[in-house]
Protein backbone atom coordinates (compact mmCIF):
# COMPACT_ATOMS: atom_id res chain seq x y z
CA PRO A 1 6.67 27.16 -9.57
CA PHE A 2 2.99 27.46 -8.63
CA LEU A 3 2.00 24.50 -10.82
CA ARG A 4 4.84 22.42 -9.38
CA LEU A 5 3.62 23.24 -5.89
CA LEU A 6 0.09 22.17 -6.78
CA GLU A 7 1.43 19.01 -8.43
CA ALA A 8 3.44 18.13 -5.30
CA GLN A 9 0.40 18.73 -3.13
CA LEU A 10 -1.73 16.51 -5.36
CA GLN A 11 0.89 13.76 -5.13
CA ASP A 12 0.83 14.07 -1.33
CA GLN A 13 -2.96 13.75 -1.35
CA ARG A 14 -2.72 10.73 -3.66
CA ARG A 15 -0.25 9.08 -1.28
CA GLU A 16 -2.61 9.72 1.63
CA TYR A 17 -5.49 8.29 -0.39
CA GLU A 18 -3.49 5.15 -1.19
CA GLU A 19 -2.61 4.75 2.50
CA GLU A 20 -6.29 5.07 3.40
CA VAL A 21 -7.21 2.45 0.79
CA GLU A 22 -4.59 0.09 2.24
CA ALA A 23 -5.96 0.68 5.74
CA LEU A 24 -9.48 -0.08 4.52
CA LYS A 25 -8.28 -3.31 2.88
CA ASN A 26 -6.74 -4.34 6.20
CA GLU A 27 -10.01 -3.49 7.92
CA VAL A 28 -11.91 -5.71 5.47
CA ASP A 29 -9.50 -8.58 6.18
CA ALA A 30 -10.03 -8.12 9.92
CA MET A 31 -13.81 -8.16 9.38
CA LYS A 32 -13.53 -11.40 7.40
CA GLU A 33 -11.64 -12.98 10.29
CA GLU A 34 -14.26 -11.74 12.74
CA LEU A 35 -17.02 -13.19 10.58
CA GLU A 36 -15.31 -16.60 10.58
CA LYS A 37 -15.06 -16.46 14.39
CA GLN A 38 -18.74 -15.58 14.64
CA GLN A 39 -19.66 -18.46 12.35
CA GLN A 40 -17.71 -20.86 14.56
CA ALA A 41 -19.40 -19.44 17.66
CA PHE A 42 -22.79 -19.83 15.98
CA LEU A 43 -22.12 -23.48 15.22
CA GLN A 44 -21.19 -24.02 18.88
CA THR A 45 -24.39 -22.33 20.09
CA LEU A 46 -26.49 -24.74 18.08
CA GLN A 47 -25.40 -27.41 20.57
CA LEU A 48 -26.63 -25.38 23.60
CA SER A 49 -30.07 -25.44 25.22
CA PRO A 50 -32.60 -22.92 23.83
CA GLU A 51 -32.25 -20.68 26.92
CA ALA A 52 -28.45 -20.72 26.70
CA GLN A 53 -28.69 -19.99 22.97
CA VAL A 54 -30.79 -16.88 23.62
CA GLU A 55 -28.46 -15.65 26.36
CA PHE A 56 -25.38 -16.29 24.24
CA GLY A 57 -26.97 -14.59 21.26
CA LEU A 58 -27.77 -11.50 23.31
CA GLN A 59 -24.22 -11.35 24.66
CA GLN A 60 -22.84 -11.66 21.13
CA GLU A 61 -25.12 -8.91 19.84
CA ILE A 62 -24.18 -6.56 22.70
CA THR A 63 -20.49 -7.18 22.00
CA ARG A 64 -20.99 -6.64 18.27
CA LEU A 65 -22.90 -3.39 18.76
CA THR A 66 -20.34 -2.10 21.24
CA ASN A 67 -17.49 -2.82 18.83
CA GLU A 68 -19.42 -1.30 15.95
CA ASN A 69 -20.06 1.86 17.98
CA LEU A 70 -16.37 2.14 18.84
CA ASP A 71 -15.42 1.67 15.19
CA LEU A 72 -17.92 4.31 14.09
CA LYS A 73 -16.68 6.73 16.75
CA GLU A 74 -13.09 6.19 15.59
CA LEU A 75 -14.11 6.69 11.96
CA LEU A 76 -15.97 9.89 12.83
CA GLU A 77 -12.93 11.25 14.64
CA LYS A 78 -10.74 10.44 11.61
CA LEU A 79 -13.17 12.12 9.24
CA GLU A 80 -13.43 15.23 11.43
CA LYS A 81 -9.64 15.45 11.63
CA ASN A 82 -9.37 15.04 7.86
CA GLU A 83 -12.05 17.68 7.29
CA LYS A 84 -10.16 20.21 9.43
CA LYS A 85 -6.95 19.43 7.54
CA LEU A 86 -8.62 19.81 4.16
CA LYS A 87 -10.26 23.10 5.16
CA LYS A 88 -6.89 24.40 6.29
CA GLN A 89 -5.27 23.31 3.01
CA LEU A 90 -8.07 24.92 1.03
CA LYS A 91 -7.54 28.25 2.82
CA ILE A 92 -3.82 28.06 2.02
CA TYR A 93 -4.49 27.23 -1.65
CA MET A 94 -7.05 30.02 -1.96
CA LYS A 95 -4.58 32.51 -0.52
CA LYS A 96 -1.87 31.30 -2.92
CA VAL A 97 -4.25 31.60 -5.88
CA GLN A 98 -5.19 35.14 -4.82
CA ASP A 99 -1.52 36.05 -4.40
CA PHE A 100 -0.76 34.49 -7.78
CA GLU A 101 -3.46 36.49 -9.50
């Protein structure tokens, strides 16, 4: 029974891992789309005056950094939540191992 429990828990973790991988693939696809948009915007800025190019470039960089910060904050929150969950699971497993012994 104990090994079956561990096996089931490992399968659950594998499912979670696969879901995370799928989410990361979707994130990569979204980043590719964003890159294409930025390339189009860049081509448009080449037609602007030098002053307008600088201003546009600064606006783009501010937007990019803001979005990157939000993404990093979200990722940090996810990782912290996952860490808490894993620590809780570890405590449960350790208790079960001690009880089993």
